[in-house]
Amino acid sequence: MTKRAPRVCSAGPCQQVATANGRCSLHQKRPDTHRKYGTEPGQVIYRTATWQRLRVAFLSEQPLCQSPGCRALATEVDHIVAHKGDRSIAFDWDNLQSLCKSCHSRKTTREDGGFGRQPKPDQAEN
């Protein structure tokens, strides 16, 4: 059996010798460096079939954005009160609202903080 000639790493301008998968030891893909969607405890709910069915049913019943003054088509189902992994309120129909993408992003940024900002306190607490 003949041996293959050593190859150069396939990661850009790297000139190191590659291993069997085509990259050098410095440019190997490591599983811990890539985050998968839905790995946090509260995010796993969004991958369930129950949530997918609930989302489709809710959007078909409430097709327009429920944000005041917005009349866009809703594409997101938002939890009015954050569930934080609690299944009893995560699948509660009365805790959901339909929002368009921009209104949902605005609400999430305001509540959770965004772009390095601190979350704003609830208006009810003031």
C-alpha atoms as a PDB file:
ATOM      1  CA  MET A   1       0.000   0.000   0.000  1.00  0.00           C
ATOM      2  CA  THR A   2       1.413   3.390  -0.968  1.00  0.00           C
ATOM      3  CA  LYS A   3       1.392   6.298   1.437  1.00  0.00           C
ATOM      4  CA  ARG A   4      -0.239   9.578   0.509  1.00  0.00           C
ATOM      5  CA  ALA A   5       1.937  12.610   0.172  1.00  0.00           C
ATOM      6  CA  PRO A   6       1.446  15.141   3.001  1.00  0.00           C
ATOM      7  CA  ARG A   7      -1.007  17.912   2.168  1.00  0.00           C
ATOM      8  CA  VAL A   8      -1.183  21.532   3.192  1.00  0.00           C
ATOM      9  CA  CYS A   9      -3.914  22.663   5.610  1.00  0.00           C
ATOM     10  CA  SER A  10      -7.083  23.745   3.794  1.00  0.00           C
ATOM     11  CA  ALA A  11      -7.687  26.710   6.142  1.00  0.00           C
ATOM     12  CA  GLY A  12      -6.732  29.720   4.072  1.00  0.00           C
ATOM     13  CA  PRO A  13      -3.081  30.753   3.937  1.00  0.00           C
ATOM     14  CA  CYS A  14      -1.949  28.177   6.552  1.00  0.00           C
ATOM     15  CA  GLN A  15       1.085  26.203   5.387  1.00  0.00           C
ATOM     16  CA  GLN A  16       1.061  23.536   8.125  1.00  0.00           C
ATOM     17  CA  VAL A  17       0.807  19.829   7.313  1.00  0.00           C
ATOM     18  CA  ALA A  18      -2.794  18.651   7.378  1.00  0.00           C
ATOM     19  CA  THR A  19      -4.118  15.564   9.150  1.00  0.00           C
ATOM     20  CA  ALA A  20      -6.622  13.106   7.689  1.00  0.00           C
ATOM     21  CA  ASN A  21      -9.499  15.597   7.588  1.00  0.00           C
ATOM     22  CA  GLY A  22      -7.604  18.214   5.579  1.00  0.00           C
ATOM     23  CA  ARG A  23      -6.735  20.688   8.366  1.00  0.00           C
ATOM     24  CA  CYS A  24      -3.791  21.117  10.689  1.00  0.00           C
ATOM     25  CA  SER A  25      -4.117  20.694  14.461  1.00  0.00           C
ATOM     26  CA  LEU A  26      -4.526  24.476  14.887  1.00  0.00           C
ATOM     27  CA  HIS A  27      -7.490  24.684  12.485  1.00  0.00           C
ATOM     28  CA  GLN A  28      -9.385  21.538  13.520  1.00  0.00           C
ATOM     29  CA  LYS A  29     -13.081  22.195  14.117  1.00  0.00           C
ATOM     30  CA  ARG A  30     -13.812  21.731  17.774  1.00  0.00           C
ATOM     31  CA  PRO A  31     -17.349  20.851  18.878  1.00  0.00           C
ATOM     32  CA  ASP A  32     -17.162  23.093  21.943  1.00  0.00           C
ATOM     33  CA  THR A  33     -16.507  26.206  19.844  1.00  0.00           C
ATOM     34  CA  HIS A  34     -19.767  26.023  17.899  1.00  0.00           C
ATOM     35  CA  ARG A  35     -22.958  26.868  19.759  1.00  0.00           C
ATOM     36  CA  LYS A  36     -26.101  25.107  18.687  1.00  0.00           C
ATOM     37  CA  TYR A  37     -29.447  26.849  18.829  1.00  0.00           C
ATOM     38  CA  GLY A  38     -31.591  25.813  21.741  1.00  0.00           C
ATOM     39  CA  THR A  39     -28.990  24.444  24.138  1.00  0.00           C
ATOM     40  CA  GLU A  40     -29.992  26.626  27.098  1.00  0.00           C
ATOM     41  CA  PRO A  41     -32.698  25.107  29.332  1.00  0.00           C
ATOM     42  CA  GLY A  42     -35.326  27.676  28.340  1.00  0.00           C
ATOM     43  CA  GLN A  43     -34.578  27.349  24.611  1.00  0.00           C
ATOM     44  CA  VAL A  44     -35.104  23.579  24.354  1.00  0.00           C
ATOM     45  CA  ILE A  45     -38.878  24.146  24.425  1.00  0.00           C
ATOM     46  CA  TYR A  46     -38.738  25.768  20.979  1.00  0.00           C
ATOM     47  CA  ARG A  47     -37.485  22.525  19.397  1.00  0.00           C
ATOM     48  CA  THR A  48     -40.411  20.410  20.601  1.00  0.00           C
ATOM     49  CA  ALA A  49     -43.230  19.264  18.334  1.00  0.00           C
ATOM     50  CA  THR A  50     -45.699  20.624  20.898  1.00  0.00           C
ATOM     51  CA  TRP A  51     -44.303  24.149  20.500  1.00  0.00           C
ATOM     52  CA  GLN A  52     -44.207  23.902  16.708  1.00  0.00           C
ATOM     53  CA  ARG A  53     -47.885  22.898  16.573  1.00  0.00           C
ATOM     54  CA  LEU A  54     -48.870  25.556  19.112  1.00  0.00           C
ATOM     55  CA  ARG A  55     -46.970  28.240  17.170  1.00  0.00           C
ATOM     56  CA  VAL A  56     -48.657  27.376  13.862  1.00  0.00           C
ATOM     57  CA  ALA A  57     -52.107  27.277  15.481  1.00  0.00           C
ATOM     58  CA  PHE A  58     -51.558  30.582  17.284  1.00  0.00           C
ATOM     59  CA  LEU A  59     -50.315  32.400  14.184  1.00  0.00           C
ATOM     60  CA  SER A  60     -53.272  31.116  12.166  1.00  0.00           C
ATOM     61  CA  GLU A  61     -55.677  32.477  14.787  1.00  0.00           C
ATOM     62  CA  GLN A  62     -53.782  35.764  15.364  1.00  0.00           C
ATOM     63  CA  PRO A  63     -52.169  36.561  11.975  1.00  0.00           C
ATOM     64  CA  LEU A  64     -51.467  40.269  12.645  1.00  0.00           C
ATOM     65  CA  CYS A  65     -48.903  41.839  14.964  1.00  0.00           C
ATOM     66  CA  GLN A  66     -50.486  42.637  18.321  1.00  0.00           C
ATOM     67  CA  SER A  67     -48.074  45.454  19.123  1.00  0.00           C
ATOM     68  CA  PRO A  68     -49.938  48.788  19.490  1.00  0.00           C
ATOM     69  CA  GLY A  69     -49.941  50.758  16.256  1.00  0.00           C
ATOM     70  CA  CYS A  70     -48.428  47.985  14.141  1.00  0.00           C
ATOM     71  CA  ARG A  71     -50.522  46.317  11.431  1.00  0.00           C
ATOM     72  CA  ALA A  72     -47.848  44.053   9.945  1.00  0.00           C
ATOM     73  CA  LEU A  73     -48.213  40.329   9.400  1.00  0.00           C
ATOM     74  CA  ALA A  74     -47.052  38.412  12.502  1.00  0.00           C
ATOM     75  CA  THR A  75     -44.187  35.970  12.090  1.00  0.00           C
ATOM     76  CA  GLU A  76     -43.209  35.420  15.737  1.00  0.00           C
ATOM     77  CA  VAL A  77     -45.065  34.019  18.742  1.00  0.00           C
ATOM     78  CA  ASP A  78     -43.910  35.816  21.877  1.00  0.00           C
ATOM     79  CA  HIS A  79     -44.344  34.950  25.535  1.00  0.00           C
ATOM     80  CA  ILE A  80     -45.882  37.900  27.378  1.00  0.00           C
ATOM     81  CA  VAL A  81     -44.317  36.677  30.631  1.00  0.00           C
ATOM     82  CA  ALA A  82     -40.948  34.988  30.067  1.00  0.00           C
ATOM     83  CA  HIS A  83     -41.189  31.264  30.774  1.00  0.00           C
ATOM     84  CA  LYS A  84     -37.509  30.645  31.678  1.00  0.00           C
ATOM     85  CA  GLY A  85     -37.969  26.931  31.016  1.00  0.00           C
ATOM     86  CA  ASP A  86     -41.219  26.548  32.978  1.00  0.00           C
ATOM     87  CA  ARG A  87     -43.394  24.360  30.758  1.00  0.00           C
ATOM     88  CA  SER A  88     -46.604  25.317  32.570  1.00  0.00           C
ATOM     89  CA  ILE A  89     -46.435  28.882  31.236  1.00  0.00           C
ATOM     90  CA  ALA A  90     -44.411  28.135  28.086  1.00  0.00           C
ATOM     91  CA  PHE A  91     -47.373  26.353  26.482  1.00  0.00           C
ATOM     92  CA  ASP A  92     -50.087  28.540  28.033  1.00  0.00           C
ATOM     93  CA  TRP A  93     -52.212  30.022  25.208  1.00  0.00           C
ATOM     94  CA  ASP A  94     -53.089  33.080  27.341  1.00  0.00           C
ATOM     95  CA  ASN A  95     -49.394  33.919  27.782  1.00  0.00           C
ATOM     96  CA  LEU A  96     -48.748  34.236  24.034  1.00  0.00           C
ATOM     97  CA  GLN A  97     -48.973  37.112  21.577  1.00  0.00           C
ATOM     98  CA  SER A  98     -48.301  37.390  17.848  1.00  0.00           C
ATOM     99  CA  LEU A  99     -45.639  39.905  16.828  1.00  0.00           C
ATOM    100  CA  CYS A 100     -43.878  40.856  13.623  1.00  0.00           C
ATOM    101  CA  LYS A 101     -40.124  40.333  13.497  1.00  0.00           C
ATOM    102  CA  SER A 102     -39.187  43.961  14.220  1.00  0.00           C
ATOM    103  CA  CYS A 103     -41.608  44.344  17.154  1.00  0.00           C
ATOM    104  CA  HIS A 104     -40.446  41.044  18.647  1.00  0.00           C
ATOM    105  CA  SER A 105     -36.791  42.061  18.326  1.00  0.00           C
ATOM    106  CA  ARG A 106     -37.522  45.438  19.899  1.00  0.00           C
ATOM    107  CA  LYS A 107     -39.379  43.835  22.829  1.00  0.00           C
ATOM    108  CA  THR A 108     -36.681  41.206  23.385  1.00  0.00           C
ATOM    109  CA  THR A 109     -33.910  43.825  23.308  1.00  0.00           C
ATOM    110  CA  ARG A 110     -35.806  46.024  25.746  1.00  0.00           C
ATOM    111  CA  GLU A 111     -36.508  43.170  28.183  1.00  0.00           C
ATOM    112  CA  ASP A 112     -33.331  41.107  27.929  1.00  0.00           C
ATOM    113  CA  GLY A 113     -30.871  43.853  27.064  1.00  0.00           C
ATOM    114  CA  GLY A 114     -29.144  44.050  23.761  1.00  0.00           C
ATOM    115  CA  PHE A 115     -26.016  45.372  22.121  1.00  0.00           C
ATOM    116  CA  GLY A 116     -24.228  45.282  25.498  1.00  0.00           C
ATOM    117  CA  ARG A 117     -26.940  47.243  27.321  1.00  0.00           C
ATOM    118  CA  GLN A 118     -28.530  46.330  30.614  1.00  0.00           C
ATOM    119  CA  PRO A 119     -32.180  45.203  30.534  1.00  0.00           C
ATOM    120  CA  LYS A 120     -34.661  47.930  31.335  1.00  0.00           C
ATOM    121  CA  PRO A 121     -36.604  47.483  34.579  1.00  0.00           C
ATOM    122  CA  ASP A 122     -40.281  46.609  34.286  1.00  0.00           C
ATOM    123  CA  GLN A 123     -42.596  49.585  34.046  1.00  0.00           C
ATOM    124  CA  ALA A 124     -44.771  48.088  36.805  1.00  0.00           C
ATOM    125  CA  GLU A 125     -41.896  48.297  39.296  1.00  0.00           C
ATOM    126  CA  ASN A 126     -41.447  52.064  38.823  1.00  0.00           C
END
